[in-house]
Amino acid sequence: MVSARKSDESRARVREVRRRLAQEGPAWTRDREADFETVTVPERCCDQLRDLLVSEGAQTVVEVGLAYASSALAIGEALVTVNPPRPRHIIIDPFQERDWSNAGWNLLRSAGLDSIASLMLAPSSIALPQLLIEGLAADAAFVDGSHRFHEVFVDLYFLRKIVRPGGLIVIDDACAPSVLTAVRYYERNLGWTVIPDAFPSESRTTVAADPQAEPLPRCKAIRLPDPSFEPPFEEFHAF
């Protein structure tokens, strides 16, 4: 744990990097039209994510997907605010160096967050089992990696073993049909419960499969059961 003055200075530094990123965008983007605006988690959602992690007193957070680091900076701000003795932010992104030219990681470094963050340049299907083998216990996770159903499902499978009982898993683009379906299995079969109003109406978006449907929150915060459990195989609820 750092001193209160040092913590305030670190928080101010992170907030300044976040402010510049939101207003000016990153120094480098992929050669795609409006790529930053399309890919990044909106500032309002990042603020809500930060506040949620602070209210939880999170000390160790796993993040799947880095890109331009909007959410990573918010998670870093939360950890600096909580100011635990050994804050830890593990980020998984196999494409950060190759496809993103380290844009997100460089922003974290400019905010001074590389002292508490580590980057795993491996697919989450490889990195998460490795963290599990190492015995990592996290307070929360933020999932914004592949949106393919089977890959989201695998991410959640391992994260339920890494995030402590009663901890949080926050999912971006939760209204995408593939993501929504993967999450629904865990809600219906493994006792995951949505935290209502964790992400208010300002961050709602339309379900891609049904543009006429009522907008849903872009992000979803889920509480894991405490104690954790494995259901009997006979008790399967279709999702």
Protein backbone atom coordinates (compact mmCIF):
# COMPACT_ATOMS: atom_id res chain seq x y z
CA MET A 1 0.00 0.00 0.00
CA VAL A 2 1.35 3.42 -0.99
CA SER A 3 0.87 6.62 0.99
CA ALA A 4 -2.33 8.63 0.60
CA ARG A 5 -0.43 11.42 -1.15
CA LYS A 6 1.21 9.03 -3.59
CA SER A 7 -2.13 7.36 -4.24
CA ASP A 8 -3.75 10.72 -5.00
CA GLU A 9 -0.94 11.58 -7.40
CA SER A 10 -1.26 8.23 -9.16
CA ARG A 11 -5.02 8.60 -9.46
CA ALA A 12 -4.66 12.09 -10.92
CA ARG A 13 -2.16 10.81 -13.48
CA VAL A 14 -4.48 8.00 -14.57
CA ARG A 15 -7.45 10.36 -14.81
CA GLU A 16 -5.48 12.73 -17.01
CA VAL A 17 -4.55 9.93 -19.42
CA ARG A 18 -8.17 8.80 -19.46
CA ARG A 19 -9.37 12.33 -20.13
CA ARG A 20 -6.99 12.82 -23.05
CA LEU A 21 -7.89 9.46 -24.53
CA ALA A 22 -11.61 10.20 -24.40
CA GLN A 23 -11.21 13.69 -25.87
CA GLU A 24 -8.40 13.21 -28.37
CA GLY A 25 -8.30 9.47 -29.02
CA PRO A 26 -5.11 7.37 -29.06
CA ALA A 27 -1.92 8.46 -30.80
CA TRP A 28 -2.24 5.47 -33.15
CA THR A 29 -5.21 3.56 -34.51
CA ARG A 30 -5.69 0.75 -36.97
CA ASP A 31 -6.38 1.78 -40.56
CA ARG A 32 -10.15 1.43 -40.23
CA GLU A 33 -12.75 4.18 -40.27
CA ALA A 34 -13.67 5.36 -36.75
CA ASP A 35 -11.87 2.35 -35.30
CA PHE A 36 -11.34 3.83 -31.84
CA GLU A 37 -14.97 4.94 -31.52
CA THR A 38 -16.18 1.55 -32.72
CA VAL A 39 -13.93 -0.66 -30.61
CA THR A 40 -13.41 1.16 -27.33
CA VAL A 41 -15.66 0.91 -24.30
CA PRO A 42 -17.43 4.29 -23.91
CA GLU A 43 -16.14 6.61 -21.19
CA ARG A 44 -19.43 6.52 -19.28
CA CYS A 45 -19.33 2.71 -19.10
CA CYS A 46 -15.71 2.87 -17.97
CA ASP A 47 -16.65 5.27 -15.18
CA GLN A 48 -19.37 2.87 -14.05
CA LEU A 49 -16.92 -0.04 -14.19
CA ARG A 50 -14.41 1.92 -12.09
CA ASP A 51 -17.03 2.83 -9.50
CA LEU A 52 -18.27 -0.74 -9.27
CA LEU A 53 -14.76 -2.10 -8.65
CA VAL A 54 -14.07 0.58 -6.05
CA SER A 55 -17.30 -0.26 -4.22
CA GLU A 56 -16.21 -3.91 -4.22
CA GLY A 57 -12.77 -3.04 -2.86
CA ALA A 58 -11.21 -5.05 -5.69
CA GLN A 59 -7.52 -5.82 -5.31
CA THR A 60 -6.88 -8.30 -8.13
CA VAL A 61 -8.63 -8.03 -11.50
CA VAL A 62 -8.34 -10.12 -14.67
CA GLU A 63 -9.18 -8.47 -17.98
CA VAL A 64 -9.71 -10.24 -21.31
CA GLY A 65 -9.03 -7.85 -24.20
CA LEU A 66 -7.00 -4.63 -24.16
CA ALA A 67 -7.23 -2.84 -27.54
CA TYR A 68 -7.04 0.92 -26.83
CA ALA A 69 -7.10 0.45 -23.03
CA SER A 70 -10.18 2.49 -22.15
CA SER A 71 -11.46 -0.16 -19.77
CA ALA A 72 -7.96 -1.08 -18.59
CA LEU A 73 -7.31 2.51 -17.53
CA ALA A 74 -10.61 2.56 -15.63
CA ILE A 75 -9.69 -0.68 -13.87
CA GLY A 76 -6.27 0.75 -13.07
CA GLU A 77 -7.89 3.87 -11.61
CA ALA A 78 -10.09 1.67 -9.44
CA LEU A 79 -7.11 -0.29 -8.11
CA VAL A 80 -5.17 2.90 -7.38
CA THR A 81 -8.22 4.29 -5.57
CA VAL A 82 -8.71 1.17 -3.44
CA ASN A 83 -4.95 1.24 -2.78
CA PRO A 84 -4.49 -2.32 -1.50
CA PRO A 85 -1.09 -3.60 -0.37
CA ARG A 86 -0.51 -5.59 -3.57
CA PRO A 87 -2.80 -4.47 -6.40
CA ARG A 88 -2.71 -6.69 -9.46
CA HIS A 89 -4.22 -6.28 -12.93
CA ILE A 90 -3.69 -9.20 -15.33
CA ILE A 91 -4.56 -8.37 -18.95
CA ILE A 92 -4.90 -10.96 -21.69
CA ASP A 93 -4.66 -9.89 -25.33
CA PRO A 94 -2.85 -11.99 -27.95
CA PHE A 95 -3.23 -9.24 -30.56
CA GLN A 96 -2.02 -6.21 -28.59
CA GLU A 97 1.46 -6.22 -30.10
CA ARG A 98 0.70 -7.60 -33.56
CA ASP A 99 -2.59 -5.89 -34.44
CA TRP A 100 -2.76 -2.95 -32.04
CA SER A 101 0.88 -1.85 -32.19
CA ASN A 102 0.90 -1.79 -28.35
CA ALA A 103 -1.38 1.27 -28.38
CA GLY A 104 -3.24 0.19 -25.25
CA TRP A 105 -0.18 -1.00 -23.35
CA ASN A 106 1.65 2.26 -24.11
CA LEU A 107 -1.27 4.21 -22.67
CA LEU A 108 -1.13 2.14 -19.49
CA ARG A 109 2.58 2.83 -19.26
CA SER A 110 2.02 6.56 -19.72
CA ALA A 111 -0.44 6.41 -16.83
CA GLY A 112 2.13 4.63 -14.65
CA LEU A 113 -0.05 1.53 -14.40
CA ASP A 114 2.55 -0.90 -15.73
CA SER A 115 3.76 -1.14 -12.14
CA ILE A 116 0.59 -3.05 -11.19
CA ALA A 117 -0.44 -4.47 -14.58
CA SER A 118 0.92 -7.38 -16.57
CA LEU A 119 0.13 -8.30 -20.17
CA MET A 120 -0.22 -11.88 -21.40
CA LEU A 121 0.19 -12.10 -25.18
CA ALA A 122 -1.63 -15.41 -25.46
CA PRO A 123 -5.17 -16.44 -26.35
CA SER A 124 -7.43 -16.42 -23.30
CA SER A 125 -8.07 -20.15 -23.79
CA ILE A 126 -4.39 -20.67 -23.00
CA ALA A 127 -3.74 -17.81 -20.58
CA LEU A 128 -6.69 -18.43 -18.26
CA PRO A 129 -5.84 -22.11 -17.60
CA GLN A 130 -2.28 -21.00 -16.91
CA LEU A 131 -3.50 -18.50 -14.30
CA LEU A 132 -5.68 -21.20 -12.78
CA ILE A 133 -2.71 -23.58 -12.52
CA GLU A 134 -0.70 -20.80 -10.85
CA GLY A 135 -3.41 -20.53 -8.21
CA LEU A 136 -4.50 -16.98 -9.00
CA ALA A 137 -7.53 -15.81 -7.03
CA ALA A 138 -9.13 -12.64 -8.41
CA ASP A 139 -11.82 -10.40 -6.98
CA ALA A 140 -13.26 -9.50 -10.37
CA ALA A 141 -12.89 -9.92 -14.10
CA PHE A 142 -13.79 -7.83 -17.13
CA VAL A 143 -14.50 -9.76 -20.33
CA ASP A 144 -14.19 -8.02 -23.71
CA GLY A 145 -12.29 -10.44 -25.89
CA SER A 146 -13.61 -12.63 -28.66
CA HIS A 147 -17.37 -12.44 -29.09
CA ARG A 148 -17.68 -15.89 -30.62
CA PHE A 149 -20.02 -17.99 -28.50
CA HIS A 150 -17.62 -20.86 -27.88
CA GLU A 151 -14.76 -18.55 -26.91
CA VAL A 152 -16.91 -16.47 -24.56
CA PHE A 153 -18.19 -19.69 -23.01
CA VAL A 154 -14.63 -20.93 -22.42
CA ASP A 155 -13.57 -17.57 -20.94
CA LEU A 156 -16.43 -17.75 -18.46
CA TYR A 157 -15.73 -21.40 -17.67
CA PHE A 158 -12.22 -20.61 -16.46
CA LEU A 159 -13.05 -17.27 -14.87
CA ARG A 160 -15.60 -18.89 -12.57
CA LYS A 161 -12.70 -20.91 -11.18
CA ILE A 162 -10.34 -17.92 -10.94
CA VAL A 163 -12.69 -15.25 -9.54
CA ARG A 164 -13.36 -15.91 -5.87
CA PRO A 165 -16.81 -17.06 -4.69
CA GLY A 166 -19.03 -13.99 -4.38
CA GLY A 167 -16.78 -12.03 -6.75
CA LEU A 168 -17.73 -10.17 -9.92
CA ILE A 169 -17.55 -10.84 -13.62
CA VAL A 170 -18.36 -7.86 -15.84
CA ILE A 171 -19.09 -8.49 -19.50
CA ASP A 172 -18.93 -5.95 -22.33
CA ASP A 173 -21.27 -6.15 -25.33
CA ALA A 174 -23.50 -8.35 -23.19
CA CYS A 175 -26.43 -7.85 -25.56
CA ALA A 176 -24.62 -9.40 -28.55
CA PRO A 177 -26.50 -12.65 -29.28
CA SER A 178 -23.42 -14.87 -28.97
CA VAL A 179 -22.36 -13.27 -25.67
CA LEU A 180 -25.90 -13.16 -24.32
CA THR A 181 -26.36 -16.86 -25.00
CA ALA A 182 -23.09 -17.89 -23.37
CA VAL A 183 -23.85 -15.88 -20.24
CA ARG A 184 -27.38 -17.28 -20.05
CA TYR A 185 -26.04 -20.81 -19.49
CA TYR A 186 -24.17 -19.73 -16.37
CA GLU A 187 -27.12 -17.73 -15.06
CA ARG A 188 -29.55 -20.62 -15.48
CA ASN A 189 -27.31 -23.47 -14.42
CA LEU A 190 -24.62 -22.15 -12.08
CA GLY A 191 -26.33 -19.58 -9.91
CA TRP A 192 -24.86 -16.43 -11.43
CA THR A 193 -26.95 -13.37 -10.60
CA VAL A 194 -27.06 -10.04 -12.41
CA ILE A 195 -26.39 -6.93 -10.32
CA PRO A 196 -29.27 -4.63 -11.27
CA ASP A 197 -28.49 -1.05 -12.26
CA ALA A 198 -24.72 -1.55 -12.13
CA PHE A 199 -24.72 0.00 -15.60
CA PRO A 200 -27.62 2.48 -15.85
CA SER A 201 -29.72 3.41 -18.86
CA GLU A 202 -27.19 5.88 -20.27
CA SER A 203 -25.08 2.95 -21.47
CA ARG A 204 -27.85 0.94 -23.12
CA THR A 205 -27.62 -0.38 -26.66
CA THR A 206 -29.86 -2.26 -29.08
CA VAL A 207 -29.70 -6.02 -29.45
CA ALA A 208 -28.06 -6.70 -32.81
CA ALA A 209 -30.42 -9.55 -33.66
CA ASP A 210 -33.54 -7.48 -33.00
CA PRO A 211 -33.19 -3.73 -33.60
CA GLN A 212 -36.84 -3.28 -32.57
CA ALA A 213 -36.27 -4.74 -29.11
CA GLU A 214 -35.92 -2.57 -26.03
CA PRO A 215 -32.29 -1.45 -25.59
CA LEU A 216 -30.28 -3.38 -23.03
CA PRO A 217 -27.24 -2.31 -20.97
CA ARG A 218 -24.02 -2.61 -22.97
CA CYS A 219 -22.24 -4.06 -19.94
CA LYS A 220 -23.54 -6.60 -17.46
CA ALA A 221 -22.21 -7.15 -13.95
CA ILE A 222 -22.70 -10.61 -12.50
CA ARG A 223 -22.20 -11.87 -8.96
CA LEU A 224 -20.82 -15.37 -8.57
CA PRO A 225 -22.45 -17.62 -5.97
CA ASP A 226 -20.88 -18.01 -2.55
CA PRO A 227 -20.14 -20.78 -1.93
CA SER A 228 -19.47 -21.98 -5.45
CA PHE A 229 -20.98 -25.28 -6.49
CA GLU A 230 -21.16 -27.84 -9.27
CA PRO A 231 -24.73 -28.84 -10.20
CA PRO A 232 -25.69 -32.50 -10.70
CA PHE A 233 -25.55 -33.37 -14.37
CA GLU A 234 -29.23 -34.34 -14.25
CA GLU A 235 -30.18 -30.74 -13.43
CA PHE A 236 -29.63 -29.07 -16.77
CA HIS A 237 -31.63 -25.99 -17.74
CA ALA A 238 -31.76 -25.21 -21.44
CA PHE A 239 -30.45 -21.79 -22.35
